C-alpha atoms as a PDB file:
ATOM      1  CA  MET A   1      95.482 127.059  88.715  1.00  0.00           C
ATOM      2  CA  HIS A   2      98.899 125.514  88.069  1.00  0.00           C
ATOM      3  CA  LYS A   3     101.614 127.928  86.949  1.00  0.00           C
ATOM      4  CA  ILE A   4     101.693 128.513  83.189  1.00  0.00           C
ATOM      5  CA  ASN A   5     104.978 129.678  81.703  1.00  0.00           C
ATOM      6  CA  ILE A   6     105.236 129.241  77.943  1.00  0.00           C
ATOM      7  CA  ASP A   7     107.259 131.887  76.119  1.00  0.00           C
ATOM      8  CA  GLY A   8     105.264 133.792  73.514  1.00  0.00           C
ATOM      9  CA  TYR A   9     101.815 132.623  74.673  1.00  0.00           C
ATOM     10  CA  SER A  10      99.255 134.318  76.878  1.00  0.00           C
ATOM     11  CA  VAL A  11      97.268 132.197  79.330  1.00  0.00           C
ATOM     12  CA  GLN A  12      94.161 132.577  77.161  1.00  0.00           C
ATOM     13  CA  GLU A  13      96.055 131.485  74.039  1.00  0.00           C
ATOM     14  CA  VAL A  14      97.326 128.391  75.830  1.00  0.00           C
ATOM     15  CA  TYR A  15      93.792 127.521  76.936  1.00  0.00           C
ATOM     16  CA  GLU A  16      92.271 127.998  73.484  1.00  0.00           C
ATOM     17  CA  ASP A  17      95.035 126.199  71.590  1.00  0.00           C
ATOM     18  CA  MET A  18      94.833 123.179  73.892  1.00  0.00           C
ATOM     19  CA  LYS A  19      91.160 122.743  72.991  1.00  0.00           C
ATOM     20  CA  GLN A  20      91.295 123.364  69.249  1.00  0.00           C
ATOM     21  CA  ARG A  21      91.306 119.657  68.304  1.00  0.00           C
ATOM     22  CA  ASN A  22      88.448 118.709  70.657  1.00  0.00           C
ATOM     23  CA  VAL A  23      85.080 117.784  69.162  1.00  0.00           C
ATOM     24  CA  PRO A  24      83.446 121.146  68.376  1.00  0.00           C
ATOM     25  CA  GLY A  25      80.892 122.351  70.879  1.00  0.00           C
ATOM     26  CA  THR A  26      81.956 120.086  73.741  1.00  0.00           C
ATOM     27  CA  SER A  27      84.388 122.211  75.736  1.00  0.00           C
ATOM     28  CA  GLU A  28      81.897 124.197  77.813  1.00  0.00           C
ATOM     29  CA  LYS A  29      79.924 121.176  79.018  1.00  0.00           C
ATOM     30  CA  LEU A  30      83.080 119.246  79.808  1.00  0.00           C
ATOM     31  CA  ALA A  31      84.571 122.167  81.720  1.00  0.00           C
ATOM     32  CA  GLN A  32      81.485 122.311  83.958  1.00  0.00           C
ATOM     33  CA  ALA A  33      81.484 118.587  84.812  1.00  0.00           C
ATOM     34  CA  HIS A  34      82.664 116.968  88.045  1.00  0.00           C
ATOM     35  CA  VAL A  35      83.783 113.330  87.951  1.00  0.00           C
ATOM     36  CA  THR A  36      84.917 111.423  91.043  1.00  0.00           C
ATOM     37  CA  ILE A  37      87.327 108.542  90.410  1.00  0.00           C
ATOM     38  CA  ALA A  38      87.591 105.856  93.089  1.00  0.00           C
ATOM     39  CA  GLY A  39      90.988 104.204  92.721  1.00  0.00           C
ATOM     40  CA  THR A  40      93.978 105.793  90.983  1.00  0.00           C
ATOM     41  CA  GLY A  41      95.926 102.719  89.878  1.00  0.00           C
ATOM     42  CA  GLY A  42      96.012 101.121  86.439  1.00  0.00           C
ATOM     43  CA  LEU A  43      92.494 102.102  85.465  1.00  0.00           C
ATOM     44  CA  GLY A  44      92.055 105.235  87.547  1.00  0.00           C
ATOM     45  CA  SER A  45      95.316 106.978  86.670  1.00  0.00           C
ATOM     46  CA  ASN A  46      94.734 106.440  82.952  1.00  0.00           C
ATOM     47  CA  ILE A  47      91.064 107.449  83.146  1.00  0.00           C
ATOM     48  CA  ALA A  48      91.931 110.615  85.056  1.00  0.00           C
ATOM     49  CA  ILE A  49      94.580 111.648  82.559  1.00  0.00           C
ATOM     50  CA  THR A  50      92.261 110.986  79.617  1.00  0.00           C
ATOM     51  CA  LEU A  51      89.443 113.011  81.164  1.00  0.00           C
ATOM     52  CA  ALA A  52      91.833 115.831  82.036  1.00  0.00           C
ATOM     53  CA  ARG A  53      93.222 115.933  78.498  1.00  0.00           C
ATOM     54  CA  SER A  54      89.626 116.085  77.221  1.00  0.00           C
ATOM     55  CA  GLY A  55      88.902 119.092  79.428  1.00  0.00           C
ATOM     56  CA  VAL A  56      86.683 117.745  82.220  1.00  0.00           C
ATOM     57  CA  GLY A  57      86.727 120.685  84.605  1.00  0.00           C
ATOM     58  CA  HIS A  58      86.750 119.044  88.041  1.00  0.00           C
ATOM     59  CA  LEU A  59      88.215 115.685  89.013  1.00  0.00           C
ATOM     60  CA  THR A  60      88.139 114.230  92.512  1.00  0.00           C
ATOM     61  CA  LEU A  61      90.726 111.477  93.030  1.00  0.00           C
ATOM     62  CA  ILE A  62      90.232 108.954  95.836  1.00  0.00           C
ATOM     63  CA  ASP A  63      92.866 106.403  96.915  1.00  0.00           C
ATOM     64  CA  PHE A  64      94.534 105.451 100.199  1.00  0.00           C
ATOM     65  CA  ASP A  65      97.640 103.904  98.619  1.00  0.00           C
ATOM     66  CA  ALA A  66     101.128 105.135  97.661  1.00  0.00           C
ATOM     67  CA  VAL A  67     103.092 104.557  94.457  1.00  0.00           C
ATOM     68  CA  GLU A  68     105.066 101.286  94.346  1.00  0.00           C
ATOM     69  CA  LEU A  69     107.588  99.930  91.856  1.00  0.00           C
ATOM     70  CA  SER A  70     105.152  97.231  90.736  1.00  0.00           C
ATOM     71  CA  ASN A  71     102.726  99.957  89.616  1.00  0.00           C
ATOM     72  CA  LEU A  72     105.012 101.345  86.931  1.00  0.00           C
ATOM     73  CA  ASN A  73     104.241  98.706  84.283  1.00  0.00           C
ATOM     74  CA  ARG A  74     100.744 100.147  83.698  1.00  0.00           C
ATOM     75  CA  GLN A  75     100.034 103.145  85.931  1.00  0.00           C
ATOM     76  CA  GLN A  76     100.737 106.786  85.118  1.00  0.00           C
ATOM     77  CA  PHE A  77     103.454 107.421  87.683  1.00  0.00           C
ATOM     78  CA  LYS A  78     107.235 107.950  87.634  1.00  0.00           C
ATOM     79  CA  LEU A  79     110.209 106.446  89.440  1.00  0.00           C
ATOM     80  CA  SER A  80     110.668 109.764  91.202  1.00  0.00           C
ATOM     81  CA  GLN A  81     107.198 109.339  92.740  1.00  0.00           C
ATOM     82  CA  ILE A  82     107.794 106.037  94.552  1.00  0.00           C
ATOM     83  CA  ASN A  83     106.233 106.180  98.050  1.00  0.00           C
ATOM     84  CA  VAL A  84     104.296 109.351  97.198  1.00  0.00           C
ATOM     85  CA  PRO A  85     100.532 109.032  97.813  1.00  0.00           C
ATOM     86  CA  LYS A  86      98.939 108.127  94.493  1.00  0.00           C
ATOM     87  CA  VAL A  87      96.392 110.929  94.533  1.00  0.00           C
ATOM     88  CA  ILE A  88      99.126 113.512  95.117  1.00  0.00           C
ATOM     89  CA  ALA A  89     101.427 112.090  92.440  1.00  0.00           C
ATOM     90  CA  LEU A  90      98.618 111.860  89.902  1.00  0.00           C
ATOM     91  CA  LYS A  91      97.510 115.424  90.572  1.00  0.00           C
ATOM     92  CA  GLN A  92     101.088 116.600  90.002  1.00  0.00           C
ATOM     93  CA  ASN A  93     101.274 114.780  86.679  1.00  0.00           C
ATOM     94  CA  ILE A  94      97.883 115.933  85.404  1.00  0.00           C
ATOM     95  CA  LEU A  95      98.562 119.597  86.121  1.00  0.00           C
ATOM     96  CA  GLU A  96     101.679 119.408  83.962  1.00  0.00           C
ATOM     97  CA  PHE A  97      99.538 119.076  80.851  1.00  0.00           C
ATOM     98  CA  ASN A  98      96.239 120.676  81.872  1.00  0.00           C
ATOM     99  CA  PRO A  99      96.589 123.424  84.462  1.00  0.00           C
ATOM    100  CA  PHE A 100      93.060 124.714  83.797  1.00  0.00           C
ATOM    101  CA  ILE A 101      91.145 122.103  85.783  1.00  0.00           C
ATOM    102  CA  THR A 102      90.322 121.643  89.462  1.00  0.00           C
ATOM    103  CA  ILE A 103      91.671 118.490  91.102  1.00  0.00           C
ATOM    104  CA  SER A 104      90.559 117.441  94.575  1.00  0.00           C
ATOM    105  CA  THR A 105      92.404 114.636  96.345  1.00  0.00           C
ATOM    106  CA  ILE A 106      91.165 112.332  99.114  1.00  0.00           C
ATOM    107  CA  GLN A 107      93.481 109.799 100.806  1.00  0.00           C
ATOM    108  CA  GLU A 108      90.886 107.452 102.217  1.00  0.00           C
ATOM    109  CA  ARG A 109      89.388 103.994 101.774  1.00  0.00           C
ATOM    110  CA  VAL A 110      85.890 103.882 100.337  1.00  0.00           C
ATOM    111  CA  THR A 111      83.459 102.200 102.722  1.00  0.00           C
ATOM    112  CA  SER A 112      79.693 101.898 102.863  1.00  0.00           C
ATOM    113  CA  GLN A 113      79.774 104.523 105.639  1.00  0.00           C
ATOM    114  CA  ASN A 114      81.521 107.267 103.631  1.00  0.00           C
ATOM    115  CA  VAL A 115      80.132 106.832 100.107  1.00  0.00           C
ATOM    116  CA  GLU A 116      77.567 109.601 100.535  1.00  0.00           C
ATOM    117  CA  ALA A 117      80.152 112.098 101.752  1.00  0.00           C
ATOM    118  CA  LEU A 118      82.786 111.181  99.150  1.00  0.00           C
ATOM    119  CA  PHE A 119      80.598 111.113  96.036  1.00  0.00           C
ATOM    120  CA  GLY A 120      77.702 113.425  96.813  1.00  0.00           C
ATOM    121  CA  ASP A 121      79.078 116.432  94.913  1.00  0.00           C
ATOM    122  CA  SER A 122      80.025 114.617  91.703  1.00  0.00           C
ATOM    123  CA  ASP A 123      78.011 114.333  88.510  1.00  0.00           C
ATOM    124  CA  ILE A 124      79.420 110.902  87.637  1.00  0.00           C
ATOM    125  CA  ILE A 125      81.085 108.195  89.745  1.00  0.00           C
ATOM    126  CA  CYS A 126      83.914 106.192  88.218  1.00  0.00           C
ATOM    127  CA  GLU A 127      84.927 102.909  89.881  1.00  0.00           C
ATOM    128  CA  ALA A 128      88.543 101.911  89.224  1.00  0.00           C
ATOM    129  CA  PHE A 129      89.362  99.461  92.009  1.00  0.00           C
ATOM    130  CA  ASP A 130      91.290  96.195  91.668  1.00  0.00           C
ATOM    131  CA  ASP A 131      89.569  94.716  94.733  1.00  0.00           C
ATOM    132  CA  PRO A 132      86.236  92.904  94.147  1.00  0.00           C
ATOM    133  CA  HIS A 133      85.002  93.717  97.647  1.00  0.00           C
ATOM    134  CA  SER A 134      85.550  97.453  97.146  1.00  0.00           C
ATOM    135  CA  LYS A 135      83.754  97.269  93.792  1.00  0.00           C
ATOM    136  CA  ALA A 136      80.775  95.591  95.431  1.00  0.00           C
ATOM    137  CA  VAL A 137      80.672  98.138  98.267  1.00  0.00           C
ATOM    138  CA  LEU A 138      80.639 101.085  95.882  1.00  0.00           C
ATOM    139  CA  LEU A 139      78.093  99.489  93.547  1.00  0.00           C
ATOM    140  CA  GLY A 140      75.694  98.568  96.356  1.00  0.00           C
ATOM    141  CA  SER A 141      76.011 101.848  98.222  1.00  0.00           C
ATOM    142  CA  SER A 142      75.770 104.084  95.186  1.00  0.00           C
ATOM    143  CA  ARG A 143      72.670 102.270  93.930  1.00  0.00           C
ATOM    144  CA  GLU A 144      71.032 102.864  97.289  1.00  0.00           C
ATOM    145  CA  ILE A 145      72.196 106.433  97.927  1.00  0.00           C
ATOM    146  CA  PHE A 146      72.476 107.826  94.377  1.00  0.00           C
ATOM    147  CA  PRO A 147      70.053 105.806  92.217  1.00  0.00           C
ATOM    148  CA  ASN A 148      70.004 108.514  89.533  1.00  0.00           C
ATOM    149  CA  LYS A 149      73.757 109.173  89.403  1.00  0.00           C
ATOM    150  CA  PRO A 150      75.729 107.384  86.644  1.00  0.00           C
ATOM    151  CA  LEU A 151      78.290 104.821  87.819  1.00  0.00           C
ATOM    152  CA  VAL A 152      80.966 103.632  85.375  1.00  0.00           C
ATOM    153  CA  MET A 153      82.831 100.465  86.390  1.00  0.00           C
ATOM    154  CA  GLY A 154      85.646  98.240  85.095  1.00  0.00           C
ATOM    155  CA  ASN A 155      85.564  94.440  85.099  1.00  0.00           C
ATOM    156  CA  GLY A 156      87.876  92.106  83.178  1.00  0.00           C
ATOM    157  CA  LEU A 157      91.071  93.562  81.700  1.00  0.00           C
ATOM    158  CA  ALA A 158      93.880  91.217  82.710  1.00  0.00           C
ATOM    159  CA  GLY A 159      96.303  89.249  80.560  1.00  0.00           C
ATOM    160  CA  ILE A 160      97.193  89.651  76.902  1.00  0.00           C
ATOM    161  CA  HIS A 161      93.944  88.453  75.342  1.00  0.00           C
ATOM    162  CA  SER A 162      92.318  90.194  72.390  1.00  0.00           C
ATOM    163  CA  PRO A 163      91.552  93.835  73.166  1.00  0.00           C
ATOM    164  CA  ASN A 164      88.425  93.435  71.033  1.00  0.00           C
ATOM    165  CA  ASN A 165      86.828  91.453  73.868  1.00  0.00           C
ATOM    166  CA  ILE A 166      86.743  94.582  76.011  1.00  0.00           C
ATOM    167  CA  LYS A 167      83.407  96.300  75.565  1.00  0.00           C
ATOM    168  CA  THR A 168      81.140  98.819  77.258  1.00  0.00           C
ATOM    169  CA  ARG A 169      77.825  97.437  78.475  1.00  0.00           C
ATOM    170  CA  GLN A 170      74.909  99.088  80.211  1.00  0.00           C
ATOM    171  CA  GLN A 171      74.062  96.822  83.139  1.00  0.00           C
ATOM    172  CA  SER A 172      71.106  98.863  84.387  1.00  0.00           C
ATOM    173  CA  GLU A 173      69.650 102.331  83.961  1.00  0.00           C
ATOM    174  CA  ASN A 174      72.631 104.194  85.428  1.00  0.00           C
ATOM    175  CA  VAL A 175      75.352 101.519  85.665  1.00  0.00           C
ATOM    176  CA  TYR A 176      77.880 100.973  82.870  1.00  0.00           C
ATOM    177  CA  ILE A 177      80.521  98.219  82.958  1.00  0.00           C
ATOM    178  CA  CYS A 178      83.631  98.192  80.771  1.00  0.00           C
ATOM    179  CA  GLY A 179      85.818  95.110  80.265  1.00  0.00           C
ATOM    180  CA  ASP A 180      85.566  91.526  79.060  1.00  0.00           C
ATOM    181  CA  ASN A 181      83.749  90.376  82.252  1.00  0.00           C
ATOM    182  CA  ILE A 182      85.975  87.265  82.298  1.00  0.00           C
ATOM    183  CA  SER A 183      89.709  87.777  82.795  1.00  0.00           C
ATOM    184  CA  ALA A 184      90.960  88.119  86.363  1.00  0.00           C
ATOM    185  CA  GLY A 185      93.931  89.930  87.825  1.00  0.00           C
ATOM    186  CA  VAL A 186      95.660  86.666  88.800  1.00  0.00           C
ATOM    187  CA  GLU A 187      96.664  86.406  85.111  1.00  0.00           C
ATOM    188  CA  GLY A 188      98.778  89.513  85.469  1.00  0.00           C
ATOM    189  CA  LEU A 189      98.037  93.058  84.394  1.00  0.00           C
ATOM    190  CA  MET A 190      99.647  94.523  81.286  1.00  0.00           C
ATOM    191  CA  ALA A 191      99.507  98.103  80.086  1.00  0.00           C
ATOM    192  CA  PRO A 192      97.776  97.551  76.697  1.00  0.00           C
ATOM    193  CA  ARG A 193      94.538  95.958  77.929  1.00  0.00           C
ATOM    194  CA  VAL A 194      94.446  98.186  81.007  1.00  0.00           C
ATOM    195  CA  LEU A 195      94.669 101.197  78.700  1.00  0.00           C
ATOM    196  CA  VAL A 196      91.927  99.839  76.436  1.00  0.00           C
ATOM    197  CA  CYS A 197      89.548  99.347  79.356  1.00  0.00           C
ATOM    198  CA  ALA A 198      90.424 102.749  80.811  1.00  0.00           C
ATOM    199  CA  GLY A 199      89.692 104.256  77.410  1.00  0.00           C
ATOM    200  CA  HIS A 200      86.266 102.634  77.361  1.00  0.00           C
ATOM    201  CA  GLN A 201      85.469 104.017  80.810  1.00  0.00           C
ATOM    202  CA  ALA A 202      86.682 107.508  79.959  1.00  0.00           C
ATOM    203  CA  ASN A 203      84.786 107.484  76.666  1.00  0.00           C
ATOM    204  CA  VAL A 204      81.427 106.566  78.195  1.00  0.00           C
ATOM    205  CA  ILE A 205      81.985 109.192  80.898  1.00  0.00           C
ATOM    206  CA  LEU A 206      82.457 111.842  78.201  1.00  0.00           C
ATOM    207  CA  GLN A 207      79.322 110.567  76.451  1.00  0.00           C
ATOM    208  CA  LEU A 208      77.338 110.809  79.681  1.00  0.00           C
ATOM    209  CA  ILE A 209      78.524 114.378  80.292  1.00  0.00           C
ATOM    210  CA  LEU A 210      77.554 115.372  76.762  1.00  0.00           C
ATOM    211  CA  GLY A 211      74.275 113.442  76.783  1.00  0.00           C
ATOM    212  CA  LYS A 212      75.250 111.328  73.793  1.00  0.00           C
ATOM    213  CA  VAL A 213      75.642 107.745  75.024  1.00  0.00           C
ATOM    214  CA  ALA A 214      76.062 105.326  72.110  1.00  0.00           C
ATOM    215  CA  LEU A 215      77.325 101.856  73.037  1.00  0.00           C
END
C-alpha cells in the first residue's frame, strides 16, 4: 500500500472517509474486483483513474509506450513524467489519490500469443487502444479464449462533435462498445469527448462488477 500521511487521520479513517459518497453497498464488491486495462493513453488513463476513484480493488495496466508531449492534451500524465513508461507514470498518479488498491503494471504489446497470459486473472477486460489492429486482435482472441469474460471496448470519440452521440451498446453477450462508432482519430483527439467515452467505459465496468447493467 502507498504511504498514507495525513495529519489527524488514522489509516482506517482515511479509507472510510474516501468511500462515504460512493453508492451505498457497493464498496465491498468493487474492492474485490480485478479489471485489466489494455492501453493507458487517452481512454485507458482516464478509465483507470475513474475506476480507482470508485474503489475497484485491483487494476492491471498494460502498455508498451512512454509518455510524450502530444499525450498531455487528453491523457492523465504530467510534464514531469515525459519519457516515463505510461504504466509506471499512471500507477504513480493513481496511488496519490487511492493508496488502498493493488496496481499491476505490464510493459508489453498485446498479441494473439499473449492474450491468455495477460488477461487470464482478470474479471473484466477493458480495451483502450488507439490502433484498430490491436483492437481486432484483442476482440478476436478474447472471444476465443474467454467467451464468458466481459470485454468493454471504445470506438469513435474523435473531434468536437456532440458528446450525446457517444453511447454504450452491447454488441454481443459479453462485448460492450462505447463511442459514436463513426468518428476517427484522424480528426484529432480532444479531451472532452475522450473523457466522455472513458466515462461510458468505466461506468459499464462498474455495472458489470455490481451485476446491474442498464444501458
